[in-house]
């Protein structure tokens, strides 16, 4: 097992992303990982070197980041280089909207421009799916953990 901290950064307007993040954290801790959930993320308090970020965010309004993620994203935008960071993004959205998972894809694009290492493609969870978002994320987790092992060796 890779001995790295996992920081789950939550962007949530209505609470769904928080619930997914909490469920993932519980599974990761039970598997022996060090995990911290940031529901009010502040870039100054979240390490970005030699850690893994798992960003779990919904999209709000006309494609914006949720309110609790706005300041974090502004701070992140000011960073020059995040080449010591590995990350993945989970987006919670609704395909009935034109801006489906725009916030998740925007944060993914931003992190790529900052030279962060993407572990896996954005996991896009659709609210229209009959399965619960947390169940979809937990089912995805084993493949993500395998990708961490491959990317970190």
N, C-alpha and C. Protein backbone atom coordinates (compact mmCIF):
# COMPACT_ATOMS: atom_id res chain seq x y z
N UNK A 1 0.85 -1.19 0.00
CA UNK A 1 0.00 0.00 0.00
C UNK A 1 0.88 1.24 0.00
N UNK A 2 0.49 2.21 -0.78
CA UNK A 2 1.20 3.48 -0.83
C UNK A 2 0.94 4.23 0.48
N UNK A 3 2.01 4.72 1.08
CA UNK A 3 1.88 5.41 2.35
C UNK A 3 1.81 6.91 2.13
N UNK A 4 0.68 7.37 1.62
CA UNK A 4 0.48 8.80 1.39
C UNK A 4 -0.82 9.23 2.02
N UNK A 5 -0.83 10.48 2.38
CA UNK A 5 -2.06 11.06 2.91
C UNK A 5 -3.01 11.35 1.76
N UNK A 6 -4.29 11.11 2.00
CA UNK A 6 -5.32 11.46 1.04
C UNK A 6 -6.15 12.58 1.65
N UNK A 7 -6.24 13.67 0.92
CA UNK A 7 -7.04 14.81 1.36
C UNK A 7 -8.24 14.92 0.43
N UNK A 8 -9.43 14.74 1.00
CA UNK A 8 -10.66 14.84 0.22
C UNK A 8 -11.17 16.27 0.37
N UNK A 9 -11.18 16.97 -0.75
CA UNK A 9 -11.58 18.38 -0.78
C UNK A 9 -13.00 18.44 -1.35
N UNK A 10 -13.91 19.00 -0.57
CA UNK A 10 -15.33 18.96 -0.88
C UNK A 10 -15.82 20.31 -1.40
N UNK A 11 -16.55 20.25 -2.51
CA UNK A 11 -17.28 21.40 -3.02
C UNK A 11 -18.74 21.02 -3.06
N UNK A 12 -19.53 21.57 -2.15
CA UNK A 12 -20.92 21.12 -2.04
C UNK A 12 -21.85 22.28 -1.74
N UNK A 13 -22.94 22.33 -2.48
CA UNK A 13 -23.95 23.35 -2.25
C UNK A 13 -25.11 22.79 -1.45
N UNK A 14 -25.49 21.53 -1.74
CA UNK A 14 -26.68 20.93 -1.12
C UNK A 14 -26.34 19.75 -0.20
N UNK A 15 -25.08 19.34 -0.12
CA UNK A 15 -24.70 18.29 0.81
C UNK A 15 -24.36 16.94 0.19
N UNK A 16 -24.70 16.71 -1.06
CA UNK A 16 -24.43 15.40 -1.66
C UNK A 16 -22.94 15.10 -1.75
N UNK A 17 -22.15 16.08 -2.14
CA UNK A 17 -20.70 15.86 -2.23
C UNK A 17 -20.09 15.58 -0.86
N UNK A 18 -20.60 16.25 0.16
CA UNK A 18 -20.12 15.99 1.52
C UNK A 18 -20.39 14.55 1.92
N UNK A 19 -21.57 14.06 1.60
CA UNK A 19 -21.92 12.69 1.98
C UNK A 19 -21.04 11.69 1.24
N UNK A 20 -20.81 11.91 -0.06
CA UNK A 20 -19.93 11.04 -0.83
C UNK A 20 -18.52 11.06 -0.23
N UNK A 21 -18.02 12.25 0.08
CA UNK A 21 -16.67 12.39 0.65
C UNK A 21 -16.57 11.64 1.99
N UNK A 22 -17.57 11.80 2.84
CA UNK A 22 -17.56 11.12 4.14
C UNK A 22 -17.56 9.60 3.97
N UNK A 23 -18.36 9.10 3.03
CA UNK A 23 -18.41 7.66 2.80
C UNK A 23 -17.08 7.13 2.27
N UNK A 24 -16.48 7.86 1.33
CA UNK A 24 -15.17 7.45 0.79
C UNK A 24 -14.11 7.48 1.88
N UNK A 25 -14.13 8.52 2.71
CA UNK A 25 -13.16 8.63 3.79
C UNK A 25 -13.27 7.43 4.73
N UNK A 26 -14.48 7.07 5.07
CA UNK A 26 -14.69 5.93 5.97
C UNK A 26 -14.10 4.64 5.38
N UNK A 27 -14.33 4.40 4.11
CA UNK A 27 -13.80 3.20 3.45
C UNK A 27 -12.27 3.26 3.41
N UNK A 28 -11.72 4.42 3.05
CA UNK A 28 -10.26 4.55 2.97
C UNK A 28 -9.60 4.35 4.33
N UNK A 29 -10.16 4.92 5.38
CA UNK A 29 -9.60 4.74 6.73
C UNK A 29 -9.67 3.27 7.13
N UNK A 30 -10.78 2.61 6.82
CA UNK A 30 -10.91 1.18 7.13
C UNK A 30 -9.90 0.32 6.37
N UNK A 31 -9.42 0.83 5.24
CA UNK A 31 -8.40 0.13 4.46
C UNK A 31 -6.98 0.51 4.89
N UNK A 32 -6.88 1.38 5.91
CA UNK A 32 -5.57 1.72 6.45
C UNK A 32 -4.94 2.99 5.92
N UNK A 33 -5.66 3.76 5.13
CA UNK A 33 -5.13 5.01 4.61
C UNK A 33 -5.34 6.14 5.61
N UNK A 34 -4.45 7.12 5.57
CA UNK A 34 -4.62 8.35 6.33
C UNK A 34 -5.45 9.27 5.46
N UNK A 35 -6.57 9.73 5.98
CA UNK A 35 -7.50 10.48 5.16
C UNK A 35 -8.07 11.65 5.96
N UNK A 36 -8.16 12.81 5.30
CA UNK A 36 -8.75 13.97 5.94
C UNK A 36 -9.73 14.61 4.97
N UNK A 37 -10.93 14.92 5.46
CA UNK A 37 -11.97 15.56 4.65
C UNK A 37 -11.98 17.05 4.95
N UNK A 38 -12.00 17.87 3.90
CA UNK A 38 -12.01 19.33 4.03
C UNK A 38 -13.33 19.86 3.47
N UNK A 39 -14.28 20.11 4.36
CA UNK A 39 -15.59 20.60 3.92
C UNK A 39 -15.61 22.11 3.74
N UNK A 40 -14.70 22.80 4.38
CA UNK A 40 -14.51 24.24 4.17
C UNK A 40 -13.03 24.42 3.79
N UNK A 41 -12.67 24.00 2.58
CA UNK A 41 -11.25 23.94 2.22
C UNK A 41 -10.56 25.30 2.18
N UNK A 42 -9.38 25.33 2.76
CA UNK A 42 -8.53 26.51 2.75
C UNK A 42 -7.16 26.04 2.27
N UNK A 43 -6.72 26.53 1.14
CA UNK A 43 -5.49 26.05 0.53
C UNK A 43 -4.28 26.16 1.46
N UNK A 44 -4.27 27.15 2.32
CA UNK A 44 -3.16 27.32 3.26
C UNK A 44 -3.07 26.19 4.28
N UNK A 45 -4.18 25.48 4.50
CA UNK A 45 -4.22 24.41 5.50
C UNK A 45 -4.20 23.01 4.90
N UNK A 46 -4.05 22.92 3.59
CA UNK A 46 -4.05 21.61 2.92
C UNK A 46 -2.71 21.45 2.20
N UNK A 47 -1.92 20.47 2.60
CA UNK A 47 -0.63 20.29 1.93
C UNK A 47 -0.84 19.91 0.46
N UNK A 48 0.12 20.31 -0.37
CA UNK A 48 0.03 19.97 -1.79
C UNK A 48 1.25 19.20 -2.28
N UNK A 49 2.21 18.95 -1.42
CA UNK A 49 3.40 18.20 -1.81
C UNK A 49 3.34 16.79 -1.24
N UNK A 50 3.57 15.84 -2.11
CA UNK A 50 3.64 14.42 -1.73
C UNK A 50 2.40 13.93 -0.99
N UNK A 51 1.26 14.41 -1.43
CA UNK A 51 -0.03 13.94 -0.92
C UNK A 51 -0.93 13.67 -2.12
N UNK A 52 -2.08 13.11 -1.86
CA UNK A 52 -3.07 12.87 -2.90
C UNK A 52 -4.31 13.68 -2.55
N UNK A 53 -4.77 14.43 -3.53
CA UNK A 53 -6.03 15.15 -3.38
C UNK A 53 -7.11 14.38 -4.13
N UNK A 54 -8.24 14.21 -3.48
CA UNK A 54 -9.43 13.69 -4.12
C UNK A 54 -10.48 14.78 -4.00
N UNK A 55 -10.71 15.49 -5.09
CA UNK A 55 -11.67 16.60 -5.07
C UNK A 55 -13.04 16.06 -5.44
N UNK A 56 -14.00 16.31 -4.59
CA UNK A 56 -15.36 15.83 -4.77
C UNK A 56 -16.28 17.05 -4.82
N UNK A 57 -16.75 17.39 -6.01
CA UNK A 57 -17.51 18.63 -6.13
C UNK A 57 -18.74 18.50 -7.01
N UNK A 58 -19.72 19.28 -6.66
CA UNK A 58 -20.89 19.45 -7.50
C UNK A 58 -20.68 20.71 -8.32
N UNK A 59 -21.60 20.97 -9.23
CA UNK A 59 -21.60 22.21 -10.01
C UNK A 59 -22.83 23.00 -9.57
N UNK A 60 -22.66 24.29 -9.42
CA UNK A 60 -23.74 25.14 -8.91
C UNK A 60 -24.12 26.18 -9.96
N UNK A 61 -25.37 26.55 -9.97
CA UNK A 61 -25.84 27.63 -10.84
C UNK A 61 -25.56 27.36 -12.31
N UNK A 62 -24.95 28.32 -12.97
CA UNK A 62 -24.68 28.22 -14.41
C UNK A 62 -23.26 27.70 -14.66
N UNK A 63 -22.86 26.70 -13.88
CA UNK A 63 -21.55 26.09 -14.08
C UNK A 63 -20.48 26.54 -13.11
N UNK A 64 -20.88 27.18 -12.03
CA UNK A 64 -19.90 27.68 -11.05
C UNK A 64 -19.54 26.61 -10.02
N UNK A 65 -18.45 26.93 -9.31
CA UNK A 65 -18.07 26.11 -8.17
C UNK A 65 -19.04 26.39 -7.03
N UNK A 66 -19.31 25.41 -6.18
CA UNK A 66 -20.14 25.66 -5.00
C UNK A 66 -19.52 26.77 -4.14
N UNK A 67 -20.36 27.45 -3.37
CA UNK A 67 -19.90 28.58 -2.55
C UNK A 67 -18.72 28.22 -1.66
N UNK A 68 -18.75 27.03 -1.04
CA UNK A 68 -17.68 26.68 -0.10
C UNK A 68 -16.34 26.41 -0.79
N UNK A 69 -16.33 26.31 -2.11
CA UNK A 69 -15.10 26.02 -2.85
C UNK A 69 -14.54 27.24 -3.57
N UNK A 70 -15.30 28.33 -3.60
CA UNK A 70 -14.90 29.52 -4.36
C UNK A 70 -13.54 30.08 -3.94
N UNK A 71 -13.36 30.32 -2.65
CA UNK A 71 -12.10 30.90 -2.16
C UNK A 71 -10.92 29.96 -2.41
N UNK A 72 -11.14 28.65 -2.18
CA UNK A 72 -10.11 27.65 -2.43
C UNK A 72 -9.67 27.70 -3.90
N UNK A 73 -10.63 27.77 -4.81
CA UNK A 73 -10.31 27.80 -6.24
C UNK A 73 -9.57 29.08 -6.62
N UNK A 74 -9.95 30.20 -6.03
CA UNK A 74 -9.22 31.45 -6.28
C UNK A 74 -7.77 31.33 -5.83
N UNK A 75 -7.55 30.75 -4.67
CA UNK A 75 -6.18 30.56 -4.16
C UNK A 75 -5.41 29.57 -5.03
N UNK A 76 -6.08 28.52 -5.45
CA UNK A 76 -5.44 27.51 -6.29
C UNK A 76 -5.02 28.11 -7.63
N UNK A 77 -5.83 28.98 -8.15
CA UNK A 77 -5.54 29.63 -9.43
C UNK A 77 -4.26 30.46 -9.35
N UNK A 78 -3.92 30.95 -8.17
CA UNK A 78 -2.72 31.76 -8.00
C UNK A 78 -1.44 30.94 -7.86
N UNK A 79 -1.58 29.65 -7.63
CA UNK A 79 -0.41 28.77 -7.52
C UNK A 79 0.26 28.62 -8.88
N UNK A 80 1.59 28.56 -8.88
CA UNK A 80 2.32 28.40 -10.13
C UNK A 80 2.54 26.95 -10.52
N UNK A 81 2.95 26.14 -9.54
CA UNK A 81 3.36 24.79 -9.87
C UNK A 81 2.94 23.82 -8.77
N UNK A 82 2.27 22.76 -9.17
CA UNK A 82 1.85 21.72 -8.22
C UNK A 82 2.36 20.35 -8.69
N UNK A 83 3.60 20.30 -9.16
CA UNK A 83 4.10 19.05 -9.73
C UNK A 83 4.39 17.97 -8.70
N UNK A 84 4.33 18.28 -7.41
CA UNK A 84 4.47 17.25 -6.36
C UNK A 84 3.12 16.67 -5.95
N UNK A 85 2.05 17.13 -6.57
CA UNK A 85 0.70 16.73 -6.19
C UNK A 85 0.14 15.70 -7.16
N UNK A 86 -0.48 14.66 -6.60
CA UNK A 86 -1.27 13.70 -7.38
C UNK A 86 -2.72 13.92 -7.00
N UNK A 87 -3.63 13.79 -7.97
CA UNK A 87 -5.03 14.10 -7.68
C UNK A 87 -5.98 13.31 -8.57
N UNK A 88 -7.23 13.29 -8.13
CA UNK A 88 -8.37 12.83 -8.94
C UNK A 88 -9.55 13.70 -8.58
N UNK A 89 -10.54 13.70 -9.48
CA UNK A 89 -11.73 14.52 -9.29
C UNK A 89 -12.97 13.67 -9.45
N UNK A 90 -13.91 13.86 -8.53
CA UNK A 90 -15.24 13.26 -8.64
C UNK A 90 -16.22 14.41 -8.81
N UNK A 91 -17.03 14.34 -9.86
CA UNK A 91 -18.04 15.36 -10.10
C UNK A 91 -19.43 14.81 -9.89
N UNK A 92 -20.24 15.54 -9.15
CA UNK A 92 -21.65 15.18 -8.98
C UNK A 92 -22.47 16.19 -9.76
N UNK A 93 -23.24 15.69 -10.70
CA UNK A 93 -24.00 16.59 -11.55
C UNK A 93 -25.32 15.97 -11.99
N UNK A 94 -25.96 16.65 -12.89
CA UNK A 94 -27.26 16.24 -13.39
C UNK A 94 -27.25 16.46 -14.90
N UNK A 95 -27.36 15.37 -15.66
CA UNK A 95 -27.27 15.47 -17.12
C UNK A 95 -28.42 16.25 -17.75
N UNK A 96 -29.43 16.60 -16.98
CA UNK A 96 -30.51 17.41 -17.54
C UNK A 96 -30.11 18.89 -17.64
N UNK A 97 -28.92 19.24 -17.12
CA UNK A 97 -28.40 20.61 -17.21
C UNK A 97 -27.30 20.69 -18.26
N UNK A 98 -27.24 21.81 -18.96
CA UNK A 98 -26.21 22.02 -20.00
C UNK A 98 -24.80 22.02 -19.42
N UNK A 99 -24.66 22.44 -18.18
CA UNK A 99 -23.33 22.56 -17.57
C UNK A 99 -22.97 21.35 -16.71
N UNK A 100 -23.42 20.17 -17.13
CA UNK A 100 -23.20 18.93 -16.40
C UNK A 100 -21.73 18.78 -16.00
N UNK A 101 -21.48 18.73 -14.70
CA UNK A 101 -20.15 18.52 -14.11
C UNK A 101 -19.10 19.52 -14.58
N UNK A 102 -19.52 20.73 -14.90
CA UNK A 102 -18.57 21.75 -15.35
C UNK A 102 -17.54 22.07 -14.28
N UNK A 103 -17.95 22.20 -13.02
CA UNK A 103 -16.99 22.53 -11.95
C UNK A 103 -15.92 21.44 -11.83
N UNK A 104 -16.33 20.19 -11.88
CA UNK A 104 -15.37 19.08 -11.78
C UNK A 104 -14.38 19.11 -12.93
N UNK A 105 -14.87 19.33 -14.13
CA UNK A 105 -13.98 19.37 -15.29
C UNK A 105 -13.10 20.62 -15.28
N UNK A 106 -13.62 21.73 -14.75
CA UNK A 106 -12.81 22.95 -14.65
C UNK A 106 -11.66 22.78 -13.65
N UNK A 107 -11.93 22.17 -12.50
CA UNK A 107 -10.84 21.98 -11.53
C UNK A 107 -9.82 20.99 -12.07
N UNK A 108 -10.27 19.97 -12.79
CA UNK A 108 -9.35 19.02 -13.42
C UNK A 108 -8.44 19.75 -14.41
N UNK A 109 -9.01 20.57 -15.26
CA UNK A 109 -8.22 21.32 -16.23
C UNK A 109 -7.22 22.25 -15.55
N UNK A 110 -7.67 22.94 -14.49
CA UNK A 110 -6.79 23.86 -13.78
C UNK A 110 -5.60 23.12 -13.17
N UNK A 111 -5.86 21.98 -12.53
CA UNK A 111 -4.77 21.22 -11.91
C UNK A 111 -3.78 20.72 -12.96
N UNK A 112 -4.27 20.35 -14.12
CA UNK A 112 -3.36 19.94 -15.21
C UNK A 112 -2.46 21.09 -15.62
N UNK A 113 -3.01 22.30 -15.70
CA UNK A 113 -2.17 23.45 -16.09
C UNK A 113 -1.13 23.78 -15.04
N UNK A 114 -1.35 23.33 -13.80
CA UNK A 114 -0.40 23.57 -12.70
C UNK A 114 0.58 22.41 -12.55
N UNK A 115 0.58 21.48 -13.52
CA UNK A 115 1.48 20.32 -13.58
C UNK A 115 1.23 19.27 -12.51
N UNK A 116 0.04 19.27 -11.91
CA UNK A 116 -0.31 18.20 -10.98
C UNK A 116 -0.50 16.92 -11.78
N UNK A 117 -0.28 15.79 -11.13
CA UNK A 117 -0.36 14.49 -11.79
C UNK A 117 -1.76 13.88 -11.60
N UNK A 118 -2.46 13.72 -12.70
CA UNK A 118 -3.81 13.14 -12.65
C UNK A 118 -3.68 11.63 -12.47
N UNK A 119 -4.36 11.10 -11.47
CA UNK A 119 -4.34 9.66 -11.20
C UNK A 119 -5.32 8.93 -12.11
N UNK A 120 -6.50 9.50 -12.29
CA UNK A 120 -7.53 8.87 -13.11
C UNK A 120 -8.40 9.95 -13.74
N UNK A 121 -9.14 9.55 -14.76
CA UNK A 121 -10.08 10.47 -15.40
C UNK A 121 -11.13 10.90 -14.38
N UNK A 122 -11.76 12.03 -14.65
CA UNK A 122 -12.82 12.53 -13.77
C UNK A 122 -13.94 11.49 -13.70
N UNK A 123 -14.33 11.16 -12.47
CA UNK A 123 -15.49 10.30 -12.27
C UNK A 123 -16.71 11.21 -12.26
N UNK A 124 -17.56 11.06 -13.26
CA UNK A 124 -18.76 11.89 -13.35
C UNK A 124 -19.96 11.08 -12.88
N UNK A 125 -20.58 11.55 -11.82
CA UNK A 125 -21.74 10.89 -11.24
C UNK A 125 -22.98 11.70 -11.59
N UNK A 126 -23.94 11.03 -12.19
CA UNK A 126 -25.16 11.68 -12.65
C UNK A 126 -26.29 11.48 -11.64
N UNK A 127 -26.89 12.58 -11.20
CA UNK A 127 -28.01 12.51 -10.26
C UNK A 127 -29.20 11.74 -10.84
N UNK A 128 -29.25 11.63 -12.16
CA UNK A 128 -30.34 10.91 -12.81
C UNK A 128 -30.14 9.39 -12.76
N UNK A 129 -28.95 8.94 -12.37
CA UNK A 129 -28.66 7.51 -12.24
C UNK A 129 -29.49 6.93 -11.11
N UNK A 130 -29.93 5.70 -11.27
CA UNK A 130 -30.76 5.08 -10.23
C UNK A 130 -29.96 4.70 -8.99
N UNK A 131 -28.65 4.58 -9.12
CA UNK A 131 -27.80 4.25 -7.98
C UNK A 131 -27.45 5.50 -7.19
N UNK A 132 -27.26 5.35 -5.88
CA UNK A 132 -26.87 6.47 -5.04
C UNK A 132 -25.46 6.93 -5.39
N UNK A 133 -25.19 8.24 -5.35
CA UNK A 133 -23.85 8.74 -5.68
C UNK A 133 -22.74 8.10 -4.85
N UNK A 134 -23.00 7.91 -3.56
CA UNK A 134 -21.96 7.31 -2.71
C UNK A 134 -21.69 5.85 -3.09
N UNK A 135 -22.73 5.14 -3.55
CA UNK A 135 -22.53 3.75 -3.98
C UNK A 135 -21.70 3.69 -5.26
N UNK A 136 -21.94 4.64 -6.17
CA UNK A 136 -21.15 4.70 -7.41
C UNK A 136 -19.69 5.00 -7.07
N UNK A 137 -19.46 5.95 -6.18
CA UNK A 137 -18.09 6.32 -5.80
C UNK A 137 -17.38 5.17 -5.09
N UNK A 138 -18.06 4.48 -4.21
CA UNK A 138 -17.45 3.36 -3.50
C UNK A 138 -17.14 2.20 -4.46
N UNK A 139 -18.00 1.98 -5.45
CA UNK A 139 -17.74 0.94 -6.45
C UNK A 139 -16.53 1.29 -7.31
N UNK A 140 -16.29 2.58 -7.52
CA UNK A 140 -15.16 3.07 -8.31
C UNK A 140 -13.85 3.02 -7.52
N UNK A 141 -13.93 3.06 -6.22
CA UNK A 141 -12.75 3.19 -5.37
C UNK A 141 -11.68 2.11 -5.59
N UNK A 142 -11.99 0.83 -5.72
CA UNK A 142 -10.92 -0.16 -5.93
C UNK A 142 -10.08 0.12 -7.17
N UNK A 143 -10.70 0.54 -8.27
CA UNK A 143 -9.92 0.84 -9.47
C UNK A 143 -9.05 2.07 -9.24
N UNK A 144 -9.55 3.02 -8.47
CA UNK A 144 -8.76 4.22 -8.16
C UNK A 144 -7.56 3.85 -7.29
N UNK A 145 -7.78 3.00 -6.30
CA UNK A 145 -6.66 2.58 -5.45
C UNK A 145 -5.62 1.81 -6.24
N UNK A 146 -6.06 1.02 -7.21
CA UNK A 146 -5.10 0.34 -8.10
C UNK A 146 -4.30 1.35 -8.92
N UNK A 147 -4.98 2.39 -9.40
CA UNK A 147 -4.30 3.43 -10.18
C UNK A 147 -3.27 4.17 -9.32
N UNK A 148 -3.58 4.39 -8.06
CA UNK A 148 -2.60 5.04 -7.16
C UNK A 148 -1.35 4.18 -7.08
N UNK A 149 -1.53 2.89 -6.89
CA UNK A 149 -0.39 1.98 -6.77
C UNK A 149 0.46 1.98 -8.03
N UNK A 150 -0.18 1.99 -9.18
CA UNK A 150 0.54 1.98 -10.46
C UNK A 150 1.27 3.31 -10.66
N UNK A 151 0.61 4.41 -10.39
CA UNK A 151 1.19 5.72 -10.64
C UNK A 151 2.28 6.10 -9.65
N UNK A 152 2.30 5.50 -8.50
CA UNK A 152 3.25 5.90 -7.46
C UNK A 152 4.48 4.99 -7.39
N UNK A 153 4.53 3.96 -8.22
CA UNK A 153 5.69 3.06 -8.17
C UNK A 153 6.84 3.57 -9.03
